């Protein structure tokens, strides 16, 4: 069984505002990741469809985080 190192990857969040700001950044990174994946023209169509849906969901999530961050 591998050693549990999950605690090394956690961050401390001090406020709800900080949560929103981190959420915005996370979704920006997710969108960039899916766009990078979608540049691969050898992907099967079903994989393209999934990556596109995930990217589009991240766009919606980013907007929600931004809306709350700007309140």
PDB file of N, CA and C in Angstrom:
ATOM      1  N   UNK A   1       0.852  -1.177   0.000  1.00  0.00           N
ATOM      2  CA  UNK A   1       0.000   0.000   0.000  1.00  0.00           C
ATOM      3  C   UNK A   1       0.896   1.237   0.000  1.00  0.00           C
ATOM      4  N   UNK A   2       0.638   2.187  -0.898  1.00  0.00           N
ATOM      5  CA  UNK A   2       1.448   3.405  -0.933  1.00  0.00           C
ATOM      6  C   UNK A   2       1.236   4.254   0.320  1.00  0.00           C
ATOM      7  N   UNK A   3       2.235   5.025   0.657  1.00  0.00           N
ATOM      8  CA  UNK A   3       2.146   5.948   1.778  1.00  0.00           C
ATOM      9  C   UNK A   3       1.172   7.068   1.437  1.00  0.00           C
ATOM     10  N   UNK A   4       0.319   7.420   2.399  1.00  0.00           N
ATOM     11  CA  UNK A   4      -0.640   8.504   2.199  1.00  0.00           C
ATOM     12  C   UNK A   4       0.070   9.842   2.373  1.00  0.00           C
ATOM     13  N   UNK A   5       0.249  10.541   1.267  1.00  0.00           N
ATOM     14  CA  UNK A   5       0.899  11.857   1.300  1.00  0.00           C
ATOM     15  C   UNK A   5      -0.090  12.975   0.959  1.00  0.00           C
ATOM     16  N   UNK A   6      -1.371  12.687   1.039  1.00  0.00           N
ATOM     17  CA  UNK A   6      -2.384  13.661   0.629  1.00  0.00           C
ATOM     18  C   UNK A   6      -2.290  14.969   1.403  1.00  0.00           C
ATOM     19  N   UNK A   7      -1.920  14.916   2.680  1.00  0.00           N
ATOM     20  CA  UNK A   7      -1.844  16.142   3.481  1.00  0.00           C
ATOM     21  C   UNK A   7      -0.788  17.113   2.945  1.00  0.00           C
ATOM     22  N   UNK A   8       0.168  16.624   2.196  1.00  0.00           N
ATOM     23  CA  UNK A   8       1.196  17.485   1.608  1.00  0.00           C
ATOM     24  C   UNK A   8       0.653  18.341   0.466  1.00  0.00           C
ATOM     25  N   UNK A   9      -0.526  18.000  -0.022  1.00  0.00           N
ATOM     26  CA  UNK A   9      -1.092  18.683  -1.182  1.00  0.00           C
ATOM     27  C   UNK A   9      -2.273  19.575  -0.826  1.00  0.00           C
ATOM     28  N   UNK A  10      -2.569  19.702   0.447  1.00  0.00           N
ATOM     29  CA  UNK A  10      -3.684  20.513   0.894  1.00  0.00           C
ATOM     30  C   UNK A  10      -3.240  21.944   1.139  1.00  0.00           C
ATOM     31  N   UNK A  11      -4.169  22.865   0.955  1.00  0.00           N
ATOM     32  CA  UNK A  11      -3.899  24.259   1.273  1.00  0.00           C
ATOM     33  C   UNK A  11      -4.890  24.709   2.334  1.00  0.00           C
ATOM     34  N   UNK A  12      -4.487  25.675   3.120  1.00  0.00           N
ATOM     35  CA  UNK A  12      -5.369  26.231   4.137  1.00  0.00           C
ATOM     36  C   UNK A  12      -6.087  27.424   3.541  1.00  0.00           C
ATOM     37  N   UNK A  13      -7.389  27.424   3.688  1.00  0.00           N
ATOM     38  CA  UNK A  13      -8.206  28.524   3.185  1.00  0.00           C
ATOM     39  C   UNK A  13      -8.754  29.273   4.394  1.00  0.00           C
ATOM     40  N   UNK A  14      -8.568  30.595   4.387  1.00  0.00           N
ATOM     41  CA  UNK A  14      -8.893  31.395   5.557  1.00  0.00           C
ATOM     42  C   UNK A  14     -10.225  32.124   5.475  1.00  0.00           C
ATOM     43  N   UNK A  15     -10.838  32.137   4.301  1.00  0.00           N
ATOM     44  CA  UNK A  15     -12.107  32.859   4.178  1.00  0.00           C
ATOM     45  C   UNK A  15     -12.880  32.334   2.970  1.00  0.00           C
ATOM     46  N   UNK A  16     -14.156  32.645   2.960  1.00  0.00           N
ATOM     47  CA  UNK A  16     -14.987  32.281   1.814  1.00  0.00           C
ATOM     48  C   UNK A  16     -14.524  33.044   0.575  1.00  0.00           C
ATOM     49  N   UNK A  17     -14.132  34.294   0.749  1.00  0.00           N
ATOM     50  CA  UNK A  17     -13.621  35.089  -0.370  1.00  0.00           C
ATOM     51  C   UNK A  17     -12.409  34.418  -0.999  1.00  0.00           C
ATOM     52  N   UNK A  18     -11.522  33.928  -0.170  1.00  0.00           N
ATOM     53  CA  UNK A  18     -10.334  33.238  -0.678  1.00  0.00           C
ATOM     54  C   UNK A  18     -10.726  31.970  -1.439  1.00  0.00           C
ATOM     55  N   UNK A  19     -11.757  31.311  -0.978  1.00  0.00           N
ATOM     56  CA  UNK A  19     -12.260  30.111  -1.664  1.00  0.00           C
ATOM     57  C   UNK A  19     -12.707  30.453  -3.079  1.00  0.00           C
ATOM     58  N   UNK A  20     -13.443  31.548  -3.219  1.00  0.00           N
ATOM     59  CA  UNK A  20     -13.898  31.964  -4.547  1.00  0.00           C
ATOM     60  C   UNK A  20     -12.718  32.270  -5.460  1.00  0.00           C
ATOM     61  N   UNK A  21     -11.738  32.990  -4.936  1.00  0.00           N
ATOM     62  CA  UNK A  21     -10.576  33.361  -5.739  1.00  0.00           C
ATOM     63  C   UNK A  21      -9.770  32.133  -6.165  1.00  0.00           C
ATOM     64  N   UNK A  22      -9.621  31.180  -5.275  1.00  0.00           N
ATOM     65  CA  UNK A  22      -8.933  29.930  -5.616  1.00  0.00           C
ATOM     66  C   UNK A  22      -9.743  29.159  -6.659  1.00  0.00           C
ATOM     67  N   UNK A  23     -11.059  29.173  -6.513  1.00  0.00           N
ATOM     68  CA  UNK A  23     -11.929  28.503  -7.482  1.00  0.00           C
ATOM     69  C   UNK A  23     -11.772  29.081  -8.877  1.00  0.00           C
ATOM     70  N   UNK A  24     -11.685  30.407  -8.967  1.00  0.00           N
ATOM     71  CA  UNK A  24     -11.480  31.052 -10.271  1.00  0.00           C
ATOM     72  C   UNK A  24     -10.186  30.550 -10.896  1.00  0.00           C
ATOM     73  N   UNK A  25      -9.109  30.572 -10.126  1.00  0.00           N
ATOM     74  CA  UNK A  25      -7.814  30.140 -10.652  1.00  0.00           C
ATOM     75  C   UNK A  25      -7.825  28.668 -11.054  1.00  0.00           C
ATOM     76  N   UNK A  26      -8.471  27.836 -10.249  1.00  0.00           N
ATOM     77  CA  UNK A  26      -8.543  26.406 -10.563  1.00  0.00           C
ATOM     78  C   UNK A  26      -9.276  26.176 -11.877  1.00  0.00           C
ATOM     79  N   UNK A  27     -10.367  26.908 -12.083  1.00  0.00           N
ATOM     80  CA  UNK A  27     -11.129  26.728 -13.328  1.00  0.00           C
ATOM     81  C   UNK A  27     -10.363  27.261 -14.532  1.00  0.00           C
ATOM     82  N   UNK A  28      -9.618  28.338 -14.359  1.00  0.00           N
ATOM     83  CA  UNK A  28      -8.773  28.837 -15.460  1.00  0.00           C
ATOM     84  C   UNK A  28      -7.774  27.759 -15.871  1.00  0.00           C
ATOM     85  N   UNK A  29      -7.172  27.121 -14.878  1.00  0.00           N
ATOM     86  CA  UNK A  29      -6.216  26.042 -15.175  1.00  0.00           C
ATOM     87  C   UNK A  29      -6.910  24.845 -15.822  1.00  0.00           C
ATOM     88  N   UNK A  30      -8.100  24.504 -15.346  1.00  0.00           N
ATOM     89  CA  UNK A  30      -8.845  23.389 -15.937  1.00  0.00           C
ATOM     90  C   UNK A  30      -9.178  23.667 -17.400  1.00  0.00           C
ATOM     91  N   UNK A  31      -9.644  24.876 -17.684  1.00  0.00           N
ATOM     92  CA  UNK A  31      -9.991  25.248 -19.064  1.00  0.00           C
ATOM     93  C   UNK A  31      -8.761  25.138 -19.964  1.00  0.00           C
ATOM     94  N   UNK A  32      -7.635  25.643 -19.487  1.00  0.00           N
ATOM     95  CA  UNK A  32      -6.394  25.566 -20.271  1.00  0.00           C
ATOM     96  C   UNK A  32      -5.998  24.115 -20.513  1.00  0.00           C
ATOM     97  N   UNK A  33      -6.168  23.276 -19.494  1.00  0.00           N
ATOM     98  CA  UNK A  33      -5.815  21.861 -19.627  1.00  0.00           C
ATOM     99  C   UNK A  33      -6.689  21.193 -20.694  1.00  0.00           C
ATOM    100  N   UNK A  34      -8.007  21.412 -20.622  1.00  0.00           N
ATOM    101  CA  UNK A  34      -8.890  20.782 -21.614  1.00  0.00           C
ATOM    102  C   UNK A  34      -8.624  21.317 -23.012  1.00  0.00           C
ATOM    103  N   UNK A  35      -8.354  22.610 -23.135  1.00  0.00           N
ATOM    104  CA  UNK A  35      -8.017  23.164 -24.455  1.00  0.00           C
ATOM    105  C   UNK A  35      -6.749  22.528 -25.005  1.00  0.00           C
ATOM    106  N   UNK A  36      -5.774  22.291 -24.142  1.00  0.00           N
ATOM    107  CA  UNK A  36      -4.545  21.620 -24.575  1.00  0.00           C
ATOM    108  C   UNK A  36      -4.850  20.201 -25.050  1.00  0.00           C
ATOM    109  N   UNK A  37      -5.646  19.472 -24.280  1.00  0.00           N
ATOM    110  CA  UNK A  37      -6.033  18.117 -24.699  1.00  0.00           C
ATOM    111  C   UNK A  37      -6.726  18.147 -26.056  1.00  0.00           C
ATOM    112  N   UNK A  38      -7.594  19.135 -26.249  1.00  0.00           N
ATOM    113  CA  UNK A  38      -8.397  19.198 -27.476  1.00  0.00           C
ATOM    114  C   UNK A  38      -7.576  19.575 -28.708  1.00  0.00           C
ATOM    115  N   UNK A  39      -6.347  20.001 -28.515  1.00  0.00           N
ATOM    116  CA  UNK A  39      -5.456  20.269 -29.652  1.00  0.00           C
ATOM    117  C   UNK A  39      -4.967  18.980 -30.312  1.00  0.00           C
ATOM    118  N   UNK A  40      -5.097  17.858 -29.618  1.00  0.00           N
ATOM    119  CA  UNK A  40      -4.653  16.568 -30.144  1.00  0.00           C
ATOM    120  C   UNK A  40      -5.670  16.069 -31.172  1.00  0.00           C
ATOM    121  N   UNK A  41      -5.295  16.121 -32.443  1.00  0.00           N
ATOM    122  CA  UNK A  41      -6.239  15.735 -33.495  1.00  0.00           C
ATOM    123  C   UNK A  41      -6.354  14.225 -33.687  1.00  0.00           C
ATOM    124  N   UNK A  42      -5.722  13.460 -32.807  1.00  0.00           N
ATOM    125  CA  UNK A  42      -5.858  12.001 -32.886  1.00  0.00           C
ATOM    126  C   UNK A  42      -6.875  11.457 -31.878  1.00  0.00           C
ATOM    127  N   UNK A  43      -7.495  12.340 -31.111  1.00  0.00           N
ATOM    128  CA  UNK A  43      -8.461  11.888 -30.106  1.00  0.00           C
ATOM    129  C   UNK A  43      -9.721  11.341 -30.773  1.00  0.00           C
ATOM    130  N   UNK A  44     -10.272  10.278 -30.232  1.00  0.00           N
ATOM    131  CA  UNK A  44     -11.558   9.788 -30.740  1.00  0.00           C
ATOM    132  C   UNK A  44     -12.663  10.799 -30.415  1.00  0.00           C
ATOM    133  N   UNK A  45     -13.712  10.768 -31.198  1.00  0.00           N
ATOM    134  CA  UNK A  45     -14.788  11.748 -31.047  1.00  0.00           C
ATOM    135  C   UNK A  45     -15.433  11.703 -29.665  1.00  0.00           C
ATOM    136  N   UNK A  46     -15.581  10.527 -29.093  1.00  0.00           N
ATOM    137  CA  UNK A  46     -16.209  10.458 -27.767  1.00  0.00           C
ATOM    138  C   UNK A  46     -15.347  11.136 -26.702  1.00  0.00           C
ATOM    139  N   UNK A  47     -14.038  11.045 -26.836  1.00  0.00           N
ATOM    140  CA  UNK A  47     -13.132  11.706 -25.898  1.00  0.00           C
ATOM    141  C   UNK A  47     -13.196  13.224 -26.111  1.00  0.00           C
ATOM    142  N   UNK A  48     -13.240  13.651 -27.349  1.00  0.00           N
ATOM    143  CA  UNK A  48     -13.391  15.073 -27.658  1.00  0.00           C
ATOM    144  C   UNK A  48     -14.675  15.606 -27.023  1.00  0.00           C
ATOM    145  N   UNK A  49     -15.746  14.853 -27.156  1.00  0.00           N
ATOM    146  CA  UNK A  49     -17.032  15.273 -26.584  1.00  0.00           C
ATOM    147  C   UNK A  49     -16.945  15.432 -25.069  1.00  0.00           C
ATOM    148  N   UNK A  50     -16.309  14.484 -24.406  1.00  0.00           N
ATOM    149  CA  UNK A  50     -16.179  14.555 -22.946  1.00  0.00           C
ATOM    150  C   UNK A  50     -15.312  15.739 -22.544  1.00  0.00           C
ATOM    151  N   UNK A  51     -14.161  15.914 -23.180  1.00  0.00           N
ATOM    152  CA  UNK A  51     -13.286  17.037 -22.843  1.00  0.00           C
ATOM    153  C   UNK A  51     -13.978  18.374 -23.108  1.00  0.00           C
ATOM    154  N   UNK A  52     -14.745  18.446 -24.176  1.00  0.00           N
ATOM    155  CA  UNK A  52     -15.474  19.673 -24.487  1.00  0.00           C
ATOM    156  C   UNK A  52     -16.513  19.967 -23.412  1.00  0.00           C
ATOM    157  N   UNK A  53     -17.240  18.954 -22.995  1.00  0.00           N
ATOM    158  CA  UNK A  53     -18.247  19.156 -21.934  1.00  0.00           C
ATOM    159  C   UNK A  53     -17.600  19.549 -20.615  1.00  0.00           C
ATOM    160  N   UNK A  54     -16.488  18.914 -20.297  1.00  0.00           N
ATOM    161  CA  UNK A  54     -15.790  19.254 -19.056  1.00  0.00           C
ATOM    162  C   UNK A  54     -15.251  20.686 -19.110  1.00  0.00           C
ATOM    163  N   UNK A  55     -14.697  21.067 -20.244  1.00  0.00           N
ATOM    164  CA  UNK A  55     -14.205  22.437 -20.406  1.00  0.00           C
ATOM    165  C   UNK A  55     -15.347  23.446 -20.274  1.00  0.00           C
ATOM    166  N   UNK A  56     -16.458  23.152 -20.929  1.00  0.00           N
ATOM    167  CA  UNK A  56     -17.604  24.059 -20.869  1.00  0.00           C
ATOM    168  C   UNK A  56     -18.164  24.160 -19.455  1.00  0.00           C
ATOM    169  N   UNK A  57     -18.138  23.061 -18.712  1.00  0.00           N
ATOM    170  CA  UNK A  57     -18.569  23.097 -17.314  1.00  0.00           C
ATOM    171  C   UNK A  57     -17.623  23.975 -16.504  1.00  0.00           C
ATOM    172  N   UNK A  58     -16.330  23.894 -16.781  1.00  0.00           N
ATOM    173  CA  UNK A  58     -15.363  24.732 -16.077  1.00  0.00           C
ATOM    174  C   UNK A  58     -15.586  26.213 -16.378  1.00  0.00           C
ATOM    175  N   UNK A  59     -15.991  26.530 -17.599  1.00  0.00           N
ATOM    176  CA  UNK A  59     -16.311  27.917 -17.946  1.00  0.00           C
ATOM    177  C   UNK A  59     -17.475  28.403 -17.076  1.00  0.00           C
ATOM    178  N   UNK A  60     -18.492  27.572 -16.919  1.00  0.00           N
ATOM    179  CA  UNK A  60     -19.637  27.931 -16.079  1.00  0.00           C
ATOM    180  C   UNK A  60     -19.226  28.064 -14.618  1.00  0.00           C
ATOM    181  N   UNK A  61     -18.410  27.141 -14.156  1.00  0.00           N
ATOM    182  CA  UNK A  61     -17.947  27.193 -12.766  1.00  0.00           C
ATOM    183  C   UNK A  61     -17.118  28.454 -12.524  1.00  0.00           C
ATOM    184  N   UNK A  62     -16.256  28.784 -13.481  1.00  0.00           N
ATOM    185  CA  UNK A  62     -15.434  29.988 -13.342  1.00  0.00           C
ATOM    186  C   UNK A  62     -16.328  31.216 -13.208  1.00  0.00           C
ATOM    187  N   UNK A  63     -17.354  31.302 -14.025  1.00  0.00           N
ATOM    188  CA  UNK A  63     -18.264  32.447 -13.960  1.00  0.00           C
ATOM    189  C   UNK A  63     -18.943  32.530 -12.594  1.00  0.00           C
ATOM    190  N   UNK A  64     -19.331  31.392 -12.051  1.00  0.00           N
ATOM    191  CA  UNK A  64     -19.978  31.385 -10.733  1.00  0.00           C
ATOM    192  C   UNK A  64     -19.008  31.830  -9.647  1.00  0.00           C
ATOM    193  N   UNK A  65     -17.781  31.331  -9.692  1.00  0.00           N
ATOM    194  CA  UNK A  65     -16.782  31.754  -8.706  1.00  0.00           C
ATOM    195  C   UNK A  65     -16.489  33.250  -8.833  1.00  0.00           C
ATOM    196  N   UNK A  66     -16.358  33.742 -10.077  1.00  0.00           N
ATOM    197  CA  UNK A  66     -16.090  35.161 -10.297  1.00  0.00           C
ATOM    198  C   UNK A  66     -17.231  36.029  -9.771  1.00  0.00           C
ATOM    199  N   UNK A  67     -18.453  35.604 -10.025  1.00  0.00           N
ATOM    200  CA  UNK A  67     -19.617  36.348  -9.552  1.00  0.00           C
ATOM    201  C   UNK A  67     -19.569  36.509  -8.032  1.00  0.00           C
ATOM    202  N   UNK A  68     -19.279  35.441  -7.341  1.00  0.00           N
ATOM    203  CA  UNK A  68     -19.223  35.504  -5.885  1.00  0.00           C
ATOM    204  C   UNK A  68     -17.977  36.228  -5.382  1.00  0.00           C
ATOM    205  N   UNK A  69     -16.881  36.108  -6.093  1.00  0.00           N
ATOM    206  CA  UNK A  69     -15.657  36.802  -5.693  1.00  0.00           C
ATOM    207  C   UNK A  69     -15.805  38.310  -5.806  1.00  0.00           C
ATOM    208  N   UNK A  70     -16.646  38.739  -6.732  1.00  0.00           N
ATOM    209  CA  UNK A  70     -16.805  40.183  -6.983  1.00  0.00           C
ATOM    210  C   UNK A  70     -17.947  40.806  -6.187  1.00  0.00           C
ATOM    211  N   UNK A  71     -18.546  40.072  -5.292  1.00  0.00           N
ATOM    212  CA  UNK A  71     -19.630  40.635  -4.471  1.00  0.00           C
ATOM    213  C   UNK A  71     -19.075  41.535  -3.404  1.00  0.00           C
TER     214      UNK A  71
END
